[in-house]
Amino acid sequence: MSQQNNNNSQNNGKDNAVQDIGQLLKVRREKLENLVNDGKNPYEITKYNQTHHSQEIKDNFESLNGKTVSVAGRLMQKRVMGKASFCNIQDLQGNIQSYVARDNIGEDSYKDFKKYDIGDILGIEGEVFETKTGEKSIHATKVVLLSKSLQILPEKFHGLTNTDLRYRQRYVDLIMNPEVKDTFIKRSKIIAAIRRYLDTEGFMEVETPMLVSNAGGAAARPFETHFNALDEDLKLRISLELYLKRLIVGGLEKVYEIGRVFRNEGLDTRHNPEFTLMELYQAYTDYNGMMDLTENMYRYVAKEVLGTTIITYNGIEMDLGKPFERITMVDAVKKYAGVDWNEVKTLEEARKLADEKNVEYEEHHKKGDILNLFFETYVEEHLIQPTFVMDHPVEISPLTKRKPDNPEYVERFEMFMNGWEMCNAYSELNDPIDQRERFKEQDALADAGDEEANHTDEDFLNALEIGMPPTGGIGYGIDRLCMLLTDSAAIRDVLFFPTMKSLN
């Protein structure tokens, strides 16, 4: 066969497949039309008395055997055998088999049942029993079509495997891939466990603005928008920090917020432009207090959600039960890069070392910036077990208290697991004079073209001048924590609806 004929054959096969799908979709709409004409429009049903879920019935079979239950869910399998059939219904907890016989549900209902399609949503009422093969099932006495599916689900043995399509059509992904549903159920439990822990520690959950005139609190490029009513340009927040600190000034001693923040940056396996951040602030403590809180909270959440403090990610075991390692950034760079930053006295020396070690830097970078670049280049990938990296250079920490004994560094830590930054914490800067000077330095960076630099926030400075007590603060990337605790390869796997390029 010539290549041209072969191509024509392939194209004809594709065309036939499209025609087949088109015909199947047409048949489903015709079935709906017939139901409506017969006065059985499923979309007119407003409620259904669902008494049990599938796994609940299986777990409590001894007490439910012979009892009447009502389940509701999606028809995933159907085996018609003359006057009796078997089907499987999938609900929130899993799936359960049902035996549907003409003599039990009536001739008209059975005729309707035989026309139902995979993907239709049914309500089934009947008695719980066990088949000869030992499968916990429902002997149906009534079957109700609750919603007609007009589309076709992926073939069940192969499921929905196209990654791009899975993210775009998460609703189908959840139907076809049980492990995906399990991931998002765990995500919900993770966030609930965090809330329970903080509530028991006396923290108050609050909400702060998403639309702001000054997007501060982090080094990130914001999204910009326009508010027509006031004819003002606004930004979507990149952090929760500056508003939560205002509440500490106001006398709320322990506050936290779990919410979306927005950063106009790239997409990769660990970054999405909108993501879930938790920040908390506690008066009268410092970054050491934040380390203790973090260690205890991570253990609590893992135990609550997974039942263990030992987690496995991509085959690598990490132990949250052991004390987390604590190491300064300077010591970490010395350990993994072989460079003692205590011996680096000038910017020129820092640049020379960077050139020798192939660490790329930019003209505006200062000595502390280059130390951080050494850390990112040589250290991060080695921090697999839970590790607190402490005492960052002041140049990269504009909102943090300096160390009293060494003002070139600040009381800050980042916690790492699996080579990832999991959280970022400070002894918060509460000196309004020092804060104003650091804002000026950030303004200069912004004027020089740094789109990620902070800008002076006069109202925040006014709050600091009112007086903020010594405070410890921390920000947690919730999505990365969910990735670790669910063994998910990419951030998109733990976001119901990740950002995707438009198909238009």
Protein backbone atom coordinates (compact mmCIF):
# COMPACT_ATOMS: atom_id res chain seq x y z
CA MET A 1 0.00 0.00 0.00
CA SER A 2 1.39 3.41 -0.87
CA GLN A 3 2.05 5.97 1.87
CA GLN A 4 -0.73 8.14 0.42
CA ASN A 5 -3.23 5.27 0.59
CA ASN A 6 -2.06 4.48 4.13
CA ASN A 7 -2.63 8.10 5.17
CA ASN A 8 -6.07 8.05 3.56
CA SER A 9 -6.89 4.88 5.48
CA GLN A 10 -5.83 6.48 8.76
CA ASN A 11 -7.82 9.60 8.02
CA ASN A 12 -10.88 7.54 7.14
CA GLY A 13 -10.52 5.72 10.45
CA LYS A 14 -10.45 9.02 12.30
CA ASP A 15 -13.41 10.31 10.34
CA ASN A 16 -15.38 7.15 11.10
CA ALA A 17 -14.54 7.45 14.79
CA VAL A 18 -15.78 11.05 14.80
CA GLN A 19 -18.93 9.98 12.99
CA ASP A 20 -19.47 7.13 15.48
CA ILE A 21 -19.12 9.48 18.43
CA GLY A 22 -21.39 11.98 16.75
CA GLN A 23 -24.02 9.28 16.24
CA LEU A 24 -23.74 8.14 19.88
CA LEU A 25 -24.19 11.69 21.10
CA LYS A 26 -27.19 12.09 18.83
CA VAL A 27 -28.74 8.91 20.25
CA ARG A 28 -28.36 10.23 23.80
CA ARG A 29 -30.17 13.43 22.93
CA GLU A 30 -32.92 11.43 21.24
CA LYS A 31 -33.30 9.34 24.40
CA LEU A 32 -33.67 12.53 26.43
CA GLU A 33 -36.25 13.86 23.97
CA ASN A 34 -38.25 10.63 24.28
CA LEU A 35 -38.15 10.83 28.07
CA VAL A 36 -39.38 14.41 28.00
CA ASN A 37 -42.19 13.47 25.59
CA ASP A 38 -43.19 10.65 27.97
CA GLY A 39 -43.35 13.07 30.91
CA LYS A 40 -40.14 11.71 32.48
CA ASN A 41 -37.81 14.71 32.17
CA PRO A 42 -34.98 13.84 34.60
CA TYR A 43 -33.88 17.45 34.96
CA GLU A 44 -37.17 18.31 36.63
CA ILE A 45 -36.34 16.14 39.68
CA THR A 46 -35.23 18.50 42.46
CA LYS A 47 -34.11 16.12 45.24
CA TYR A 48 -33.51 12.49 46.13
CA ASN A 49 -33.49 10.85 49.54
CA GLN A 50 -29.97 9.39 49.64
CA THR A 51 -29.77 7.40 52.90
CA HIS A 52 -26.36 5.77 52.52
CA HIS A 53 -23.09 5.82 50.57
CA SER A 54 -21.39 2.83 48.97
CA GLN A 55 -18.51 2.29 51.39
CA GLU A 56 -20.78 2.96 54.35
CA ILE A 57 -22.95 0.03 53.25
CA LYS A 58 -19.94 -2.26 52.83
CA ASP A 59 -18.42 -1.26 56.17
CA ASN A 60 -21.71 -1.82 58.02
CA PHE A 61 -22.93 -4.83 56.06
CA GLU A 62 -23.75 -6.97 59.11
CA SER A 63 -26.20 -4.40 60.48
CA LEU A 64 -27.59 -3.38 57.06
CA ASN A 65 -28.01 -6.84 55.53
CA GLY A 66 -31.66 -7.20 54.53
CA LYS A 67 -32.41 -3.53 55.27
CA THR A 68 -33.70 -1.04 52.68
CA VAL A 69 -31.29 1.70 51.61
CA SER A 70 -31.21 4.41 48.97
CA VAL A 71 -28.02 5.28 47.10
CA ALA A 72 -27.37 7.81 44.37
CA GLY A 73 -24.52 8.20 41.93
CA ARG A 74 -23.21 7.77 38.42
CA LEU A 75 -23.88 4.64 36.35
CA MET A 76 -20.40 3.27 35.54
CA GLN A 77 -21.19 -0.29 34.44
CA LYS A 78 -24.29 -2.10 33.18
CA ARG A 79 -24.71 -5.77 32.26
CA VAL A 80 -28.15 -6.50 30.81
CA MET A 81 -29.20 -10.17 30.88
CA GLY A 82 -32.78 -10.43 29.65
CA LYS A 83 -35.17 -9.98 32.56
CA ALA A 84 -32.43 -9.07 35.07
CA SER A 85 -29.31 -6.92 35.03
CA PHE A 86 -26.39 -5.84 37.16
CA CYS A 87 -25.08 -2.29 37.33
CA ASN A 88 -22.49 -0.36 39.31
CA ILE A 89 -23.17 3.03 40.83
CA GLN A 90 -20.27 5.34 41.76
CA ASP A 91 -20.73 7.89 44.53
CA LEU A 92 -18.48 9.99 46.76
CA GLN A 93 -17.08 6.99 48.65
CA GLY A 94 -16.59 4.53 45.80
CA ASN A 95 -18.96 2.21 43.97
CA ILE A 96 -21.49 -0.50 44.74
CA GLN A 97 -23.19 -3.15 42.66
CA SER A 98 -26.95 -3.35 42.22
CA TYR A 99 -29.10 -6.22 40.97
CA VAL A 100 -31.97 -4.85 38.87
CA ALA A 101 -34.76 -7.27 37.91
CA ARG A 102 -37.88 -6.59 35.85
CA ASP A 103 -40.11 -8.38 38.38
CA ASN A 104 -38.89 -6.16 41.21
CA ILE A 105 -38.94 -2.69 39.64
CA GLY A 106 -41.77 -3.18 37.15
CA GLU A 107 -41.85 -3.72 33.40
CA ASP A 108 -41.95 -0.04 32.37
CA SER A 109 -39.14 0.94 34.74
CA TYR A 110 -37.04 -1.97 33.51
CA LYS A 111 -37.53 -0.92 29.89
CA ASP A 112 -36.32 2.56 30.83
CA PHE A 113 -33.38 1.12 32.78
CA LYS A 114 -32.15 -0.86 29.79
CA LYS A 115 -31.92 2.41 27.83
CA TYR A 116 -29.86 4.23 30.45
CA ASP A 117 -26.31 5.12 29.41
CA ILE A 118 -22.98 4.96 31.18
CA GLY A 119 -22.59 8.32 32.90
CA ASP A 120 -26.27 8.78 33.76
CA ILE A 121 -26.95 9.66 37.39
CA LEU A 122 -29.36 7.26 39.11
CA GLY A 123 -31.05 6.83 42.42
CA ILE A 124 -31.47 3.20 43.50
CA GLU A 125 -33.57 1.96 46.39
CA GLY A 126 -33.48 -1.64 47.55
CA GLU A 127 -32.38 -4.25 50.08
CA VAL A 128 -28.76 -4.88 50.97
CA PHE A 129 -27.58 -8.43 50.24
CA GLU A 130 -24.50 -10.45 49.35
CA THR A 131 -24.15 -12.27 46.02
CA LYS A 132 -22.97 -15.86 45.68
CA THR A 133 -19.50 -14.50 44.85
CA GLY A 134 -19.45 -12.51 48.09
CA GLU A 135 -20.01 -9.03 46.66
CA LYS A 136 -21.98 -6.62 48.84
CA SER A 137 -24.85 -5.39 46.66
CA ILE A 138 -28.30 -3.82 46.55
CA HIS A 139 -31.35 -5.73 45.31
CA ALA A 140 -33.17 -2.85 43.59
CA THR A 141 -36.86 -2.25 44.12
CA LYS A 142 -36.87 1.19 42.54
CA VAL A 143 -34.57 2.94 40.01
CA VAL A 144 -34.87 6.65 39.24
CA LEU A 145 -33.03 8.60 36.53
CA LEU A 146 -31.88 11.79 38.27
CA SER A 147 -29.83 13.32 35.44
CA LYS A 148 -29.20 12.32 31.84
CA SER A 149 -25.58 12.38 30.64
CA LEU A 150 -25.39 13.78 27.10
CA GLN A 151 -21.64 13.29 26.76
CA ILE A 152 -19.57 10.09 26.62
CA LEU A 153 -17.13 9.19 29.38
CA PRO A 154 -13.66 7.88 28.47
CA GLU A 155 -13.40 4.12 27.99
CA LYS A 156 -13.27 2.72 31.53
CA PHE A 157 -10.26 0.41 31.20
CA HIS A 158 -8.00 3.21 29.98
CA GLY A 159 -9.60 6.08 31.85
CA LEU A 160 -8.72 9.70 31.30
CA THR A 161 -4.95 9.62 30.80
CA ASN A 162 -4.27 12.74 28.72
CA THR A 163 -2.71 15.06 31.32
CA ASP A 164 -3.73 18.31 29.66
CA LEU A 165 -7.31 17.12 29.25
CA ARG A 166 -7.40 15.88 32.86
CA TYR A 167 -6.55 19.37 34.14
CA ARG A 168 -8.97 21.12 31.76
CA GLN A 169 -11.83 18.72 32.50
CA ARG A 170 -11.22 17.99 36.18
CA TYR A 171 -14.84 16.91 36.57
CA VAL A 172 -14.20 13.97 34.21
CA ASP A 173 -10.84 13.29 35.89
CA LEU A 174 -12.59 12.95 39.26
CA ILE A 175 -15.10 10.50 37.79
CA MET A 176 -12.60 8.28 35.99
CA ASN A 177 -9.61 8.30 38.36
CA PRO A 178 -10.41 7.37 42.00
CA GLU A 179 -6.90 8.30 43.15
CA VAL A 180 -7.51 11.88 42.00
CA LYS A 181 -10.63 12.14 44.15
CA ASP A 182 -8.62 10.72 47.07
CA THR A 183 -5.94 13.40 46.59
CA PHE A 184 -8.46 16.21 46.85
CA ILE A 185 -10.23 14.67 49.81
CA LYS A 186 -6.84 14.57 51.55
CA ARG A 187 -6.22 18.19 50.58
CA SER A 188 -9.45 19.18 52.30
CA LYS A 189 -8.44 17.17 55.39
CA ILE A 190 -5.00 18.82 55.44
CA ILE A 191 -6.51 22.31 55.53
CA ALA A 192 -9.09 21.26 58.12
CA ALA A 193 -6.33 19.77 60.31
CA ILE A 194 -4.30 22.99 60.08
CA ARG A 195 -7.33 24.97 61.22
CA ARG A 196 -7.98 22.59 64.13
CA TYR A 197 -4.39 22.84 65.30
CA LEU A 198 -4.27 26.63 65.15
CA ASP A 199 -7.66 26.95 66.79
CA THR A 200 -6.46 24.87 69.74
CA GLU A 201 -3.41 27.15 69.96
CA GLY A 202 -5.67 30.19 70.31
CA PHE A 203 -5.29 31.63 66.81
CA MET A 204 -8.08 33.64 65.20
CA GLU A 205 -8.84 33.13 61.50
CA VAL A 206 -9.34 36.39 59.62
CA GLU A 207 -9.79 37.69 56.07
CA THR A 208 -7.91 40.54 54.42
CA PRO A 209 -8.26 42.31 51.02
CA MET A 210 -7.33 40.65 47.74
CA LEU A 211 -7.55 43.89 45.76
CA VAL A 212 -4.90 46.31 47.02
CA SER A 213 -3.27 49.54 45.93
CA ASN A 214 0.17 48.39 47.10
CA ALA A 215 0.97 44.69 46.66
CA GLY A 216 3.68 44.21 49.27
CA GLY A 217 4.97 41.59 51.66
CA ALA A 218 6.91 39.50 49.13
CA ALA A 219 9.27 39.76 46.20
CA ALA A 220 6.95 39.05 43.29
CA ARG A 221 5.43 40.72 40.25
CA PRO A 222 1.72 41.41 40.81
CA PHE A 223 -1.25 41.18 38.49
CA GLU A 224 -2.83 44.56 37.79
CA THR A 225 -6.44 45.52 37.19
CA HIS A 226 -8.66 48.61 37.11
CA PHE A 227 -11.55 49.44 39.43
CA ASN A 228 -14.07 51.37 37.35
CA ALA A 229 -16.16 52.76 40.23
CA LEU A 230 -13.21 54.66 41.70
CA ASP A 231 -11.30 54.95 38.42
CA GLU A 232 -8.22 53.55 40.16
CA ASP A 233 -5.65 50.93 39.23
CA LEU A 234 -5.41 48.10 41.74
CA LYS A 235 -3.33 44.97 42.13
CA LEU A 236 -4.10 41.45 43.23
CA ARG A 237 -2.31 40.65 46.46
CA ILE A 238 0.96 38.75 46.37
CA SER A 239 1.07 38.20 50.13
CA LEU A 240 -1.08 38.41 53.26
CA GLU A 241 1.58 39.95 55.46
CA LEU A 242 1.08 43.67 55.74
CA TYR A 243 -2.63 43.54 56.57
CA LEU A 244 -2.21 40.76 59.14
CA LYS A 245 0.49 42.80 60.88
CA ARG A 246 -1.93 45.72 61.07
CA LEU A 247 -4.20 43.41 63.08
CA ILE A 248 -1.35 42.60 65.46
CA VAL A 249 -0.95 46.37 65.94
CA GLY A 250 -4.67 46.48 66.69
CA GLY A 251 -4.25 44.04 69.58
CA LEU A 252 -5.27 40.72 67.98
CA GLU A 253 -2.33 38.73 69.33
CA LYS A 254 -2.67 35.53 67.24
CA VAL A 255 -4.10 35.73 63.71
CA TYR A 256 -3.93 33.63 60.58
CA GLU A 257 -5.42 33.56 57.11
CA ILE A 258 -5.64 30.81 54.51
CA GLY A 259 -6.32 32.30 51.11
CA ARG A 260 -5.39 32.72 47.48
CA VAL A 261 -2.54 34.99 46.46
CA PHE A 262 -1.55 35.91 42.92
CA ARG A 263 1.92 36.23 41.42
CA ASN A 264 2.53 37.09 37.78
CA GLU A 265 5.26 34.55 37.22
CA GLY A 266 5.95 31.35 35.34
CA LEU A 267 4.27 27.95 35.37
CA ASP A 268 6.13 24.81 36.39
CA THR A 269 5.67 21.72 38.55
CA ARG A 270 5.79 23.81 41.75
CA HIS A 271 4.38 27.16 40.64
CA ASN A 272 0.92 28.34 39.63
CA PRO A 273 0.09 32.06 39.30
CA GLU A 274 -2.67 31.73 41.87
CA PHE A 275 -1.98 29.51 44.85
CA THR A 276 -3.04 28.96 48.44
CA LEU A 277 -0.94 30.64 51.10
CA MET A 278 -1.33 30.55 54.85
CA GLU A 279 0.24 33.27 56.94
CA LEU A 280 0.08 33.54 60.71
CA TYR A 281 1.38 36.12 63.17
CA GLN A 282 1.84 35.80 66.91
CA ALA A 283 2.67 38.67 69.24
CA TYR A 284 5.37 38.38 71.88
CA THR A 285 7.35 35.62 70.21
CA ASP A 286 10.13 35.38 67.61
CA TYR A 287 11.32 33.10 64.83
CA ASN A 288 12.31 30.44 67.36
CA GLY A 289 8.68 30.28 68.45
CA MET A 290 7.67 29.95 64.81
CA MET A 291 10.05 27.00 64.39
CA ASP A 292 8.49 25.21 67.36
CA LEU A 293 4.97 25.90 66.08
CA THR A 294 5.84 24.68 62.57
CA GLU A 295 7.44 21.46 63.76
CA ASN A 296 4.47 20.64 65.98
CA MET A 297 1.88 21.59 63.35
CA TYR A 298 3.47 19.51 60.58
CA ARG A 299 3.55 16.46 62.85
CA TYR A 300 -0.06 17.00 63.88
CA VAL A 301 -1.31 17.38 60.29
CA ALA A 302 0.56 14.31 59.01
CA LYS A 303 -0.73 12.20 61.89
CA GLU A 304 -4.31 13.41 61.40
CA VAL A 305 -4.38 12.92 57.62
CA LEU A 306 -2.04 9.95 57.06
CA GLY A 307 -2.00 8.31 60.47
CA THR A 308 1.81 8.52 60.61
CA THR A 309 4.59 11.10 60.81
CA ILE A 310 6.64 9.23 58.19
CA ILE A 311 5.76 10.28 54.65
CA THR A 312 6.99 8.97 51.32
CA TYR A 313 7.31 11.20 48.28
CA ASN A 314 8.45 9.80 44.95
CA GLY A 315 9.99 6.85 46.79
CA ILE A 316 11.88 9.06 49.27
CA GLU A 317 11.02 8.69 52.96
CA MET A 318 10.88 11.78 55.17
CA ASP A 319 10.42 11.63 58.94
CA LEU A 320 8.43 14.41 60.58
CA GLY A 321 8.64 12.63 63.94
CA LYS A 322 12.32 13.42 64.48
CA PRO A 323 13.52 16.89 65.58
CA PHE A 324 13.95 19.07 62.49
CA GLU A 325 17.55 20.02 61.69
CA ARG A 326 18.42 23.68 62.31
CA ILE A 327 21.31 25.24 60.39
CA THR A 328 22.27 28.80 59.46
CA MET A 329 22.48 29.78 55.81
CA VAL A 330 26.18 30.57 56.24
CA ASP A 331 26.86 27.12 57.73
CA ALA A 332 24.79 25.42 55.02
CA VAL A 333 26.80 27.14 52.26
CA LYS A 334 30.01 26.15 54.02
CA LYS A 335 28.82 22.54 54.32
CA TYR A 336 27.62 22.04 50.74
CA ALA A 337 29.57 24.63 48.69
CA GLY A 338 32.81 24.65 50.64
CA VAL A 339 32.72 28.44 50.99
CA ASP A 340 33.03 30.16 54.40
CA TRP A 341 31.01 33.35 53.99
CA ASN A 342 32.36 34.66 57.28
CA GLU A 343 35.62 35.20 55.40
CA VAL A 344 33.93 37.20 52.63
CA LYS A 345 34.29 40.86 53.59
CA THR A 346 33.48 42.82 50.43
CA LEU A 347 31.19 42.73 47.41
CA GLU A 348 34.23 42.30 45.17
CA GLU A 349 35.26 39.15 47.08
CA ALA A 350 31.72 37.80 46.80
CA ARG A 351 31.65 38.37 43.03
CA LYS A 352 35.06 36.74 42.62
CA LEU A 353 33.90 33.64 44.49
CA ALA A 354 30.71 33.54 42.43
CA ASP A 355 32.71 33.66 39.22
CA GLU A 356 34.96 30.85 40.44
CA LYS A 357 32.00 28.68 41.47
CA ASN A 358 29.84 29.44 38.39
CA VAL A 359 27.15 31.20 40.41
CA GLU A 360 25.34 33.69 38.17
CA TYR A 361 24.54 37.11 39.61
CA GLU A 362 23.35 40.50 38.36
CA GLU A 363 24.97 43.91 38.58
CA HIS A 364 22.60 45.18 41.29
CA HIS A 365 23.17 42.17 43.57
CA LYS A 366 24.89 42.93 46.87
CA LYS A 367 27.00 40.61 49.01
CA GLY A 368 23.99 39.15 50.80
CA ASP A 369 22.18 38.54 47.52
CA ILE A 370 25.15 36.52 46.28
CA LEU A 371 25.20 34.45 49.48
CA ASN A 372 21.58 33.55 48.79
CA LEU A 373 22.47 32.62 45.20
CA PHE A 374 25.16 30.27 46.54
CA PHE A 375 22.53 28.72 48.80
CA GLU A 376 20.08 28.22 45.93
CA THR A 377 22.78 26.78 43.66
CA TYR A 378 24.56 24.43 46.04
CA VAL A 379 22.38 23.73 49.07
CA GLU A 380 18.63 23.48 48.39
CA GLU A 381 18.71 20.14 46.54
CA HIS A 382 20.36 18.45 49.54
CA LEU A 383 17.70 19.45 52.07
CA ILE A 384 15.51 16.35 51.87
CA GLN A 385 14.65 15.79 55.54
CA PRO A 386 12.80 18.63 57.36
CA THR A 387 15.37 21.40 57.86
CA PHE A 388 15.17 24.96 59.18
CA VAL A 389 17.67 27.21 57.37
CA MET A 390 18.17 30.27 59.56
CA ASP A 391 19.68 33.75 59.60
CA HIS A 392 19.41 35.16 56.09
CA PRO A 393 21.26 38.23 54.81
CA VAL A 394 19.46 41.52 55.40
CA GLU A 395 19.53 42.40 51.67
CA ILE A 396 16.89 39.76 50.85
CA SER A 397 14.76 40.30 53.96
CA PRO A 398 13.24 43.80 53.95
CA LEU A 399 10.58 43.06 56.59
CA THR A 400 12.69 41.20 59.15
CA LYS A 401 14.44 42.10 62.40
CA ARG A 402 18.21 42.23 62.30
CA LYS A 403 20.20 39.92 64.55
CA PRO A 404 21.32 42.09 67.50
CA ASP A 405 24.82 40.58 67.47
CA ASN A 406 25.28 40.68 63.68
CA PRO A 407 23.20 43.30 61.84
CA GLU A 408 24.24 41.99 58.39
CA TYR A 409 21.83 39.10 59.01
CA VAL A 410 18.23 38.83 60.15
CA GLU A 411 16.15 36.54 62.35
CA ARG A 412 14.55 34.59 59.54
CA PHE A 413 14.22 30.95 58.57
CA GLU A 414 12.95 28.92 55.65
CA MET A 415 11.93 25.32 56.17
CA PHE A 416 12.91 22.83 53.46
CA MET A 417 11.75 19.30 52.66
CA ASN A 418 12.48 17.28 49.54
CA GLY A 419 14.68 20.17 48.39
CA TRP A 420 11.65 22.51 48.39
CA GLU A 421 11.02 25.65 50.38
CA MET A 422 7.94 24.85 52.48
CA CYS A 423 7.62 28.01 54.57
CA ASN A 424 9.28 31.35 55.31
CA ALA A 425 9.31 33.00 58.74
CA TYR A 426 10.65 36.06 60.52
CA SER A 427 11.08 37.81 63.78
CA GLU A 428 9.03 40.64 62.34
CA LEU A 429 10.56 44.08 61.96
CA ASN A 430 8.64 46.47 64.21
CA ASP A 431 11.01 49.46 64.06
CA PRO A 432 9.21 52.01 61.81
CA ILE A 433 12.40 54.02 61.20
CA ASP A 434 14.38 50.97 60.05
CA GLN A 435 11.38 49.79 58.02
CA ARG A 436 11.16 53.13 56.19
CA GLU A 437 14.84 52.93 55.23
CA ARG A 438 14.40 49.40 53.88
CA PHE A 439 11.35 50.46 51.91
CA LYS A 440 13.50 53.22 50.38
CA GLU A 441 16.00 50.61 49.25
CA GLN A 442 13.16 48.59 47.71
CA ASP A 443 11.83 51.72 45.97
CA ALA A 444 15.29 52.25 44.46
CA LEU A 445 15.29 48.69 43.13
CA ALA A 446 11.81 49.25 41.66
CA ASP A 447 12.94 52.50 40.03
CA ALA A 448 15.86 50.58 38.51
CA GLY A 449 13.42 48.18 36.87
CA ASP A 450 13.01 45.38 39.46
CA GLU A 451 9.34 44.40 39.01
CA GLU A 452 9.45 42.18 42.12
CA ALA A 453 10.61 44.87 44.57
CA ASN A 454 8.39 46.09 47.40
CA HIS A 455 7.15 49.69 47.49
CA THR A 456 6.81 52.02 50.46
CA ASP A 457 3.46 51.48 52.19
CA GLU A 458 2.72 54.65 54.15
CA ASP A 459 -0.30 53.27 55.97
CA PHE A 460 1.68 50.24 57.10
CA LEU A 461 4.44 52.52 58.35
CA ASN A 462 1.81 54.54 60.22
CA ALA A 463 0.64 51.30 61.86
CA LEU A 464 4.20 50.52 62.96
CA GLU A 465 4.49 54.03 64.39
CA ILE A 466 1.36 53.36 66.44
CA GLY A 467 3.40 50.47 67.82
CA MET A 468 3.64 46.74 67.03
CA PRO A 469 4.78 44.33 69.74
CA PRO A 470 7.62 41.86 69.15
CA THR A 471 6.05 39.38 66.74
CA GLY A 472 6.82 36.11 65.01
CA GLY A 473 5.32 35.55 61.58
CA ILE A 474 5.34 32.81 58.98
CA GLY A 475 3.98 31.97 55.54
CA TYR A 476 3.26 28.41 54.38
CA GLY A 477 2.76 27.16 50.83
CA ILE A 478 -0.30 24.97 51.31
CA ASP A 479 -0.14 23.48 47.81
CA ARG A 480 3.40 22.15 48.29
CA LEU A 481 2.41 20.60 51.62
CA CYS A 482 -0.50 18.91 49.84
CA MET A 483 1.88 17.66 47.15
CA LEU A 484 4.13 16.03 49.75
CA LEU A 485 1.34 14.45 51.79
CA THR A 486 -0.42 13.06 48.71
CA ASP A 487 2.72 12.05 46.77
CA SER A 488 1.67 14.27 43.85
CA ALA A 489 4.25 15.04 41.16
CA ALA A 490 3.09 18.55 40.23
CA ILE A 491 1.23 21.46 41.80
CA ARG A 492 -1.46 21.05 39.14
CA ASP A 493 -2.27 17.65 40.66
CA VAL A 494 -3.42 19.29 43.92
CA LEU A 495 -5.29 22.24 42.36
CA PHE A 496 -8.81 21.46 41.21
CA PHE A 497 -8.57 23.99 38.39
CA PRO A 498 -4.94 24.96 37.62
CA THR A 499 -4.16 27.84 35.30
CA MET A 500 -4.07 26.66 31.68
CA LYS A 501 -3.41 28.41 28.40
CA SER A 502 -6.66 29.20 26.64
CA LEU A 503 -7.59 26.95 23.72
CA ASN A 504 -9.19 29.86 21.86
